[in-house]
Amino acid sequence: MSAYQIHKLCRRILHDPDFRAWMQAEPAQALASMPLTDDERTAVLAGDVGWLLRAGASGFLLLILSRFEICGLTLPIFNRRMRSEIRT
């Protein structure tokens, strides 16, 4: 996995309102425009922030996904998944 590409995705969601809206409406299509691996795409679409964290992504930048509720990832869900990842 390239944590760098996941970080770029998070920053693009934060700073590009058109891309953010696309991610909210059609995440699979929006992700297809990014140079991500199949595993990365699967994890983002599933909101699997634990997998992304284990693979090297920044927890701080992953928080952007929940800020904009990308792929249904709300703050309570994000917190629960991150806490369970840290405990294991």
Protein backbone atom coordinates (compact mmCIF):
# COMPACT_ATOMS: atom_id res chain seq x y z
CA MET A 1 0.00 0.00 0.00
CA SER A 2 1.07 3.54 -0.63
CA ALA A 3 0.08 5.58 2.39
CA TYR A 4 1.01 8.60 0.30
CA GLN A 5 -1.85 7.94 -2.15
CA ILE A 6 -4.35 7.55 0.71
CA HIS A 7 -3.07 10.82 2.17
CA LYS A 8 -3.51 12.50 -1.23
CA LEU A 9 -7.06 11.15 -1.38
CA CYS A 10 -7.90 12.57 2.05
CA ARG A 11 -6.39 15.95 1.25
CA ARG A 12 -8.21 16.06 -2.08
CA ILE A 13 -11.51 15.37 -0.30
CA LEU A 14 -10.72 18.21 2.11
CA HIS A 15 -9.64 20.80 -0.46
CA ASP A 16 -11.56 19.94 -3.65
CA PRO A 17 -15.33 20.46 -3.14
CA ASP A 18 -16.22 18.94 -6.53
CA PHE A 19 -14.23 15.78 -5.84
CA ARG A 20 -15.69 15.62 -2.31
CA ALA A 21 -19.23 15.77 -3.72
CA TRP A 22 -18.31 13.04 -6.20
CA MET A 23 -16.93 10.87 -3.38
CA GLN A 24 -20.15 11.37 -1.44
CA ALA A 25 -22.39 10.58 -4.41
CA GLU A 26 -20.41 7.95 -6.36
CA PRO A 27 -17.41 6.82 -4.31
CA ALA A 28 -16.47 3.84 -6.48
CA GLN A 29 -16.31 5.98 -9.60
CA ALA A 30 -14.41 8.76 -7.83
CA LEU A 31 -11.88 6.29 -6.41
CA ALA A 32 -11.34 4.84 -9.88
CA SER A 33 -9.78 8.18 -10.82
CA MET A 34 -7.11 7.79 -8.14
CA PRO A 35 -3.99 5.60 -8.45
CA LEU A 36 -4.95 3.23 -5.62
CA THR A 37 -4.60 -0.52 -5.31
CA ASP A 38 -7.67 -2.75 -5.26
CA ASP A 39 -7.11 -3.37 -1.54
CA GLU A 40 -6.99 0.37 -0.85
CA ARG A 41 -10.17 0.99 -2.83
CA THR A 42 -11.92 -1.85 -1.01
CA ALA A 43 -10.86 -0.50 2.38
CA VAL A 44 -11.98 3.06 1.61
CA LEU A 45 -15.34 1.89 0.23
CA ALA A 46 -15.87 -0.26 3.33
CA GLY A 47 -14.77 2.52 5.67
CA ASP A 48 -12.10 0.15 6.99
CA VAL A 49 -9.95 2.80 8.65
CA GLY A 50 -8.34 0.13 10.81
CA TRP A 51 -6.87 -1.58 7.76
CA LEU A 52 -5.75 1.76 6.34
CA LEU A 53 -4.10 2.69 9.66
CA ARG A 54 -2.31 -0.67 9.87
CA ALA A 55 -1.12 -0.17 6.31
CA GLY A 56 0.53 3.12 7.24
CA ALA A 57 -2.06 5.83 6.67
CA SER A 58 -2.23 8.73 9.10
CA GLY A 59 -5.10 8.51 11.58
CA PHE A 60 -5.32 12.30 11.52
CA LEU A 61 -5.80 12.41 7.75
CA LEU A 62 -8.21 9.45 7.80
CA LEU A 63 -10.41 11.55 10.09
CA ILE A 64 -11.25 13.63 7.00
CA LEU A 65 -13.23 10.66 5.68
CA SER A 66 -15.56 10.81 8.67
CA ARG A 67 -15.71 14.61 8.68
CA PHE A 68 -17.46 14.46 5.31
CA GLU A 69 -19.11 11.06 5.95
CA ILE A 70 -17.39 9.45 2.98
CA CYS A 71 -18.74 5.95 2.30
CA GLY A 72 -21.06 6.23 5.31
CA LEU A 73 -18.16 6.67 7.72
CA THR A 74 -19.59 8.81 10.53
CA LEU A 75 -17.52 10.02 13.48
CA PRO A 76 -18.93 7.41 15.92
CA ILE A 77 -18.18 4.61 13.46
CA PHE A 78 -14.69 6.02 12.82
CA ASN A 79 -13.99 6.24 16.56
CA ARG A 80 -15.21 2.71 17.23
CA ARG A 81 -13.12 1.25 14.40
CA MET A 82 -10.01 3.17 15.37
CA ARG A 83 -10.34 2.26 19.05
CA SER A 84 -10.77 -1.42 18.26
CA GLU A 85 -7.69 -1.25 16.01
CA ILE A 86 -5.56 0.36 18.70
CA ARG A 87 -6.62 -2.23 21.31
CA THR A 88 -5.63 -5.20 19.14
